[in-house]
């Protein structure tokens, strides 16, 4: 861990903390994880922020969640095949939305809100 430098502002020493530049924006799951840490796990959020690893942590959660969503959707469609999309597109969309909701519920419980 690098040494923290301080700047005196009036009677107070304020740490010189810079937020690193991000190459790509966070997606839905990364932003949800960040908001969860900010609202419910303040100590962990502060530690990640001070170490400069908050963005990387949220990006890793984002990538893991998207990979897991893809795998779970493939497994769920194999177990419960959707109806023919060309014959009945609304039924197909409803079926796929239901499967995605099931997969997202698991992802939110295991990755985002833990």
N, C-alpha and C. Protein backbone atom coordinates (compact mmCIF):
# COMPACT_ATOMS: atom_id res chain seq x y z
N UNK A 1 0.84 -1.16 0.00
CA UNK A 1 0.00 0.00 0.00
C UNK A 1 0.89 1.23 0.00
N UNK A 2 0.55 2.23 -0.81
CA UNK A 2 1.39 3.41 -0.91
C UNK A 2 1.10 4.38 0.24
N UNK A 3 2.04 5.25 0.48
CA UNK A 3 1.92 6.21 1.57
C UNK A 3 0.96 7.32 1.16
N UNK A 4 0.11 7.73 2.09
CA UNK A 4 -0.88 8.78 1.81
C UNK A 4 -0.27 10.12 2.17
N UNK A 5 -0.40 11.07 1.26
CA UNK A 5 0.07 12.43 1.52
C UNK A 5 -1.13 13.29 1.91
N UNK A 6 -0.83 14.40 2.60
CA UNK A 6 -1.89 15.27 3.11
C UNK A 6 -1.63 16.71 2.71
N UNK A 7 -2.72 17.47 2.58
CA UNK A 7 -2.64 18.90 2.31
C UNK A 7 -3.33 19.62 3.46
N UNK A 8 -2.69 20.65 3.98
CA UNK A 8 -3.29 21.38 5.09
C UNK A 8 -4.27 22.42 4.53
N UNK A 9 -5.51 22.33 5.00
CA UNK A 9 -6.55 23.29 4.64
C UNK A 9 -7.06 23.88 5.94
N UNK A 10 -6.65 25.10 6.21
CA UNK A 10 -6.99 25.72 7.49
C UNK A 10 -6.28 24.98 8.61
N UNK A 11 -7.05 24.49 9.58
CA UNK A 11 -6.48 23.75 10.71
C UNK A 11 -6.47 22.24 10.48
N UNK A 12 -6.93 21.81 9.32
CA UNK A 12 -7.11 20.38 9.09
C UNK A 12 -6.15 19.86 8.03
N UNK A 13 -5.73 18.60 8.21
CA UNK A 13 -4.95 17.90 7.19
C UNK A 13 -5.91 17.00 6.41
N UNK A 14 -6.03 17.25 5.12
CA UNK A 14 -6.93 16.49 4.27
C UNK A 14 -6.09 15.54 3.40
N UNK A 15 -6.48 14.25 3.32
CA UNK A 15 -5.70 13.31 2.50
C UNK A 15 -5.83 13.64 1.01
N UNK A 16 -4.73 13.48 0.31
CA UNK A 16 -4.72 13.70 -1.14
C UNK A 16 -5.16 12.40 -1.80
N UNK A 17 -6.43 12.30 -2.07
CA UNK A 17 -6.99 11.09 -2.67
C UNK A 17 -7.49 11.44 -4.06
N UNK A 18 -7.05 10.69 -5.04
CA UNK A 18 -7.49 10.91 -6.41
C UNK A 18 -8.26 9.69 -6.88
N UNK A 19 -9.35 9.93 -7.54
CA UNK A 19 -10.13 8.84 -8.11
C UNK A 19 -9.50 8.48 -9.44
N UNK A 20 -9.17 7.20 -9.65
CA UNK A 20 -8.52 6.81 -10.90
C UNK A 20 -9.47 6.96 -12.10
N UNK A 21 -8.89 7.26 -13.23
CA UNK A 21 -9.67 7.35 -14.46
C UNK A 21 -10.16 5.96 -14.85
N UNK A 22 -11.38 5.88 -15.32
CA UNK A 22 -11.95 4.60 -15.69
C UNK A 22 -11.98 4.48 -17.21
N UNK A 23 -11.65 3.30 -17.69
CA UNK A 23 -11.61 3.06 -19.12
C UNK A 23 -13.00 2.80 -19.69
N UNK A 24 -13.82 2.07 -18.96
CA UNK A 24 -15.15 1.75 -19.44
C UNK A 24 -16.16 1.99 -18.32
N UNK A 25 -17.35 2.42 -18.68
CA UNK A 25 -18.36 2.68 -17.63
C UNK A 25 -18.88 1.37 -17.05
N UNK A 26 -19.34 1.44 -15.82
CA UNK A 26 -19.92 0.27 -15.18
C UNK A 26 -21.30 0.01 -15.75
N UNK A 27 -21.66 -1.25 -15.81
CA UNK A 27 -22.99 -1.63 -16.25
C UNK A 27 -23.94 -1.69 -15.08
N UNK A 28 -25.09 -2.28 -15.32
CA UNK A 28 -26.15 -2.34 -14.32
C UNK A 28 -25.70 -3.04 -13.04
N UNK A 29 -25.08 -4.21 -13.16
CA UNK A 29 -24.69 -4.98 -11.98
C UNK A 29 -23.58 -4.29 -11.20
N UNK A 30 -22.62 -3.69 -11.89
CA UNK A 30 -21.55 -2.97 -11.22
C UNK A 30 -22.07 -1.77 -10.45
N UNK A 31 -23.01 -1.03 -11.06
CA UNK A 31 -23.58 0.12 -10.37
C UNK A 31 -24.44 -0.31 -9.19
N UNK A 32 -25.15 -1.45 -9.33
CA UNK A 32 -25.95 -1.95 -8.22
C UNK A 32 -25.06 -2.35 -7.05
N UNK A 33 -23.93 -2.98 -7.34
CA UNK A 33 -22.99 -3.38 -6.29
C UNK A 33 -22.43 -2.14 -5.58
N UNK A 34 -22.06 -1.13 -6.36
CA UNK A 34 -21.53 0.10 -5.79
C UNK A 34 -22.56 0.75 -4.88
N UNK A 35 -23.81 0.83 -5.33
CA UNK A 35 -24.88 1.43 -4.53
C UNK A 35 -25.12 0.63 -3.25
N UNK A 36 -25.07 -0.70 -3.36
CA UNK A 36 -25.24 -1.55 -2.18
C UNK A 36 -24.14 -1.29 -1.16
N UNK A 37 -22.90 -1.24 -1.62
CA UNK A 37 -21.79 -0.97 -0.71
C UNK A 37 -21.92 0.41 -0.07
N UNK A 38 -22.33 1.38 -0.88
CA UNK A 38 -22.48 2.74 -0.40
C UNK A 38 -23.58 2.84 0.67
N UNK A 39 -24.68 2.16 0.45
CA UNK A 39 -25.83 2.27 1.35
C UNK A 39 -25.77 1.33 2.55
N UNK A 40 -25.29 0.10 2.34
CA UNK A 40 -25.39 -0.92 3.38
C UNK A 40 -24.08 -1.39 3.99
N UNK A 41 -22.97 -1.21 3.28
CA UNK A 41 -21.67 -1.68 3.76
C UNK A 41 -20.66 -0.53 3.71
N UNK A 42 -20.91 0.50 4.49
CA UNK A 42 -20.11 1.73 4.43
C UNK A 42 -18.62 1.48 4.69
N UNK A 43 -18.31 0.61 5.63
CA UNK A 43 -16.90 0.36 5.95
C UNK A 43 -16.17 -0.24 4.75
N UNK A 44 -16.78 -1.24 4.14
CA UNK A 44 -16.17 -1.88 2.97
C UNK A 44 -16.06 -0.89 1.81
N UNK A 45 -17.09 -0.08 1.63
CA UNK A 45 -17.08 0.96 0.58
C UNK A 45 -15.93 1.94 0.81
N UNK A 46 -15.74 2.36 2.05
CA UNK A 46 -14.67 3.30 2.38
C UNK A 46 -13.30 2.67 2.15
N UNK A 47 -13.14 1.41 2.54
CA UNK A 47 -11.87 0.72 2.34
C UNK A 47 -11.54 0.62 0.85
N UNK A 48 -12.51 0.18 0.05
CA UNK A 48 -12.29 0.08 -1.40
C UNK A 48 -11.95 1.45 -2.00
N UNK A 49 -12.64 2.48 -1.54
CA UNK A 49 -12.41 3.82 -2.07
C UNK A 49 -11.01 4.31 -1.71
N UNK A 50 -10.61 4.13 -0.46
CA UNK A 50 -9.29 4.60 -0.04
C UNK A 50 -8.16 3.82 -0.70
N UNK A 51 -8.38 2.55 -0.96
CA UNK A 51 -7.36 1.74 -1.62
C UNK A 51 -7.37 1.95 -3.13
N UNK A 52 -8.41 2.60 -3.64
CA UNK A 52 -8.51 2.84 -5.08
C UNK A 52 -8.93 1.60 -5.85
N UNK A 53 -9.60 0.66 -5.18
CA UNK A 53 -10.00 -0.59 -5.84
C UNK A 53 -11.51 -0.72 -6.03
N UNK A 54 -12.27 0.31 -5.70
CA UNK A 54 -13.73 0.23 -5.81
C UNK A 54 -14.17 -0.03 -7.25
N UNK A 55 -13.61 0.72 -8.19
CA UNK A 55 -13.99 0.56 -9.59
C UNK A 55 -13.65 -0.86 -10.08
N UNK A 56 -12.49 -1.35 -9.75
CA UNK A 56 -12.08 -2.68 -10.21
C UNK A 56 -12.95 -3.77 -9.58
N UNK A 57 -13.30 -3.59 -8.31
CA UNK A 57 -14.20 -4.54 -7.64
C UNK A 57 -15.56 -4.57 -8.33
N UNK A 58 -16.13 -3.40 -8.59
CA UNK A 58 -17.44 -3.33 -9.24
C UNK A 58 -17.38 -3.85 -10.67
N UNK A 59 -16.29 -3.60 -11.37
CA UNK A 59 -16.13 -4.10 -12.73
C UNK A 59 -16.03 -5.62 -12.74
N UNK A 60 -15.34 -6.18 -11.77
CA UNK A 60 -15.23 -7.64 -11.65
C UNK A 60 -16.60 -8.26 -11.36
N UNK A 61 -17.37 -7.63 -10.48
CA UNK A 61 -18.73 -8.10 -10.19
C UNK A 61 -19.57 -8.04 -11.46
N UNK A 62 -19.44 -6.96 -12.22
CA UNK A 62 -20.19 -6.79 -13.47
C UNK A 62 -19.88 -7.92 -14.46
N UNK A 63 -18.61 -8.19 -14.66
CA UNK A 63 -18.21 -9.24 -15.61
C UNK A 63 -18.67 -10.62 -15.14
N UNK A 64 -18.50 -10.89 -13.85
CA UNK A 64 -18.92 -12.18 -13.31
C UNK A 64 -20.42 -12.36 -13.42
N UNK A 65 -21.18 -11.32 -13.12
CA UNK A 65 -22.64 -11.39 -13.19
C UNK A 65 -23.11 -11.63 -14.63
N UNK A 66 -22.51 -10.96 -15.58
CA UNK A 66 -22.90 -11.15 -16.99
C UNK A 66 -22.56 -12.55 -17.48
N UNK A 67 -21.39 -13.06 -17.09
CA UNK A 67 -21.02 -14.43 -17.48
C UNK A 67 -21.98 -15.44 -16.86
N UNK A 68 -22.28 -15.25 -15.58
CA UNK A 68 -23.18 -16.17 -14.90
C UNK A 68 -24.59 -16.09 -15.49
N UNK A 69 -25.04 -14.90 -15.86
CA UNK A 69 -26.36 -14.75 -16.48
C UNK A 69 -26.43 -15.53 -17.79
N UNK A 70 -25.39 -15.44 -18.59
CA UNK A 70 -25.35 -16.19 -19.85
C UNK A 70 -25.42 -17.69 -19.63
N UNK A 71 -24.63 -18.18 -18.67
CA UNK A 71 -24.64 -19.62 -18.38
C UNK A 71 -25.99 -20.07 -17.83
N UNK A 72 -26.54 -19.29 -16.91
CA UNK A 72 -27.81 -19.67 -16.30
C UNK A 72 -28.95 -19.63 -17.31
N UNK A 73 -28.93 -18.66 -18.21
CA UNK A 73 -29.98 -18.60 -19.25
C UNK A 73 -29.90 -19.82 -20.16
N UNK A 74 -28.68 -20.24 -20.49
CA UNK A 74 -28.52 -21.43 -21.33
C UNK A 74 -29.05 -22.67 -20.60
N UNK A 75 -28.73 -22.79 -19.31
CA UNK A 75 -29.22 -23.94 -18.53
C UNK A 75 -30.74 -23.91 -18.39
N UNK A 76 -31.30 -22.74 -18.12
CA UNK A 76 -32.75 -22.64 -17.93
C UNK A 76 -33.51 -22.90 -19.23
N UNK A 77 -32.99 -22.41 -20.36
CA UNK A 77 -33.68 -22.67 -21.63
C UNK A 77 -33.58 -24.14 -22.03
N UNK A 78 -32.51 -24.81 -21.57
CA UNK A 78 -32.39 -26.24 -21.84
C UNK A 78 -33.41 -27.02 -21.01
N UNK A 79 -33.58 -26.62 -19.74
CA UNK A 79 -34.53 -27.32 -18.86
C UNK A 79 -35.98 -27.00 -19.23
N UNK A 80 -36.25 -25.74 -19.59
CA UNK A 80 -37.61 -25.32 -19.94
C UNK A 80 -37.55 -24.62 -21.29
N UNK A 81 -37.61 -25.38 -22.38
CA UNK A 81 -37.47 -24.78 -23.72
C UNK A 81 -38.58 -23.76 -24.00
N UNK A 82 -38.22 -22.65 -24.60
CA UNK A 82 -39.24 -21.64 -24.92
C UNK A 82 -40.08 -22.07 -26.12
N UNK A 83 -41.26 -21.49 -26.26
CA UNK A 83 -42.08 -21.80 -27.44
C UNK A 83 -41.44 -21.22 -28.70
N UNK A 84 -41.96 -21.61 -29.83
CA UNK A 84 -41.44 -21.15 -31.11
C UNK A 84 -41.60 -19.63 -31.23
N UNK A 85 -40.50 -18.94 -31.47
CA UNK A 85 -40.52 -17.48 -31.54
C UNK A 85 -41.29 -16.98 -32.75
N UNK A 86 -41.17 -17.66 -33.86
CA UNK A 86 -41.85 -17.22 -35.08
C UNK A 86 -43.36 -17.42 -34.98
N UNK A 87 -43.79 -18.50 -34.35
CA UNK A 87 -45.22 -18.79 -34.27
C UNK A 87 -45.93 -17.94 -33.23
N UNK A 88 -45.27 -17.70 -32.10
CA UNK A 88 -45.91 -16.94 -31.03
C UNK A 88 -44.87 -16.07 -30.32
N UNK A 89 -44.55 -14.89 -30.87
CA UNK A 89 -43.48 -14.06 -30.31
C UNK A 89 -43.78 -13.52 -28.92
N UNK A 90 -45.04 -13.23 -28.61
CA UNK A 90 -45.36 -12.69 -27.29
C UNK A 90 -45.19 -13.75 -26.20
N UNK A 91 -45.58 -14.95 -26.49
CA UNK A 91 -45.40 -16.04 -25.53
C UNK A 91 -43.92 -16.34 -25.33
N UNK A 92 -43.17 -16.28 -26.42
CA UNK A 92 -41.72 -16.48 -26.34
C UNK A 92 -41.08 -15.41 -25.45
N UNK A 93 -41.46 -14.13 -25.68
CA UNK A 93 -40.89 -13.03 -24.90
C UNK A 93 -41.25 -13.17 -23.42
N UNK A 94 -42.49 -13.54 -23.12
CA UNK A 94 -42.91 -13.72 -21.73
C UNK A 94 -42.11 -14.84 -21.07
N UNK A 95 -41.92 -15.94 -21.80
CA UNK A 95 -41.17 -17.08 -21.27
C UNK A 95 -39.72 -16.69 -20.99
N UNK A 96 -39.09 -16.01 -21.94
CA UNK A 96 -37.69 -15.61 -21.78
C UNK A 96 -37.53 -14.58 -20.66
N UNK A 97 -38.47 -13.66 -20.52
CA UNK A 97 -38.41 -12.68 -19.43
C UNK A 97 -38.54 -13.37 -18.07
N UNK A 98 -39.37 -14.39 -18.00
CA UNK A 98 -39.49 -15.16 -16.77
C UNK A 98 -38.21 -15.88 -16.41
N UNK A 99 -37.56 -16.47 -17.41
CA UNK A 99 -36.29 -17.16 -17.16
C UNK A 99 -35.20 -16.17 -16.73
N UNK A 100 -35.18 -15.00 -17.38
CA UNK A 100 -34.18 -13.99 -17.02
C UNK A 100 -34.42 -13.49 -15.60
N UNK A 101 -35.66 -13.33 -15.21
CA UNK A 101 -35.97 -12.90 -13.84
C UNK A 101 -35.48 -13.93 -12.82
N UNK A 102 -35.64 -15.21 -13.14
CA UNK A 102 -35.16 -16.27 -12.24
C UNK A 102 -33.64 -16.19 -12.10
N UNK A 103 -32.96 -16.05 -13.23
CA UNK A 103 -31.50 -15.99 -13.21
C UNK A 103 -31.01 -14.75 -12.46
N UNK A 104 -31.64 -13.60 -12.72
CA UNK A 104 -31.22 -12.36 -12.06
C UNK A 104 -31.46 -12.41 -10.56
N UNK A 105 -32.51 -13.06 -10.12
CA UNK A 105 -32.77 -13.17 -8.69
C UNK A 105 -31.62 -13.89 -7.99
N UNK A 106 -31.13 -14.96 -8.61
CA UNK A 106 -30.00 -15.69 -8.05
C UNK A 106 -28.73 -14.84 -8.07
N UNK A 107 -28.49 -14.15 -9.17
CA UNK A 107 -27.29 -13.31 -9.29
C UNK A 107 -27.31 -12.19 -8.26
N UNK A 108 -28.44 -11.55 -8.10
CA UNK A 108 -28.53 -10.46 -7.13
C UNK A 108 -28.28 -10.97 -5.72
N UNK A 109 -28.83 -12.13 -5.40
CA UNK A 109 -28.67 -12.68 -4.07
C UNK A 109 -27.24 -13.12 -3.80
N UNK A 110 -26.60 -13.75 -4.77
CA UNK A 110 -25.27 -14.32 -4.57
C UNK A 110 -24.12 -13.33 -4.79
N UNK A 111 -24.26 -12.41 -5.73
CA UNK A 111 -23.15 -11.52 -6.07
C UNK A 111 -23.33 -10.09 -5.58
N UNK A 112 -24.46 -9.52 -5.84
CA UNK A 112 -24.63 -8.09 -5.59
C UNK A 112 -24.87 -7.79 -4.12
N UNK A 113 -25.81 -8.49 -3.52
CA UNK A 113 -26.23 -8.19 -2.15
C UNK A 113 -25.62 -9.15 -1.12
N UNK A 114 -24.36 -9.44 -1.26
CA UNK A 114 -23.70 -10.32 -0.29
C UNK A 114 -22.45 -9.66 0.24
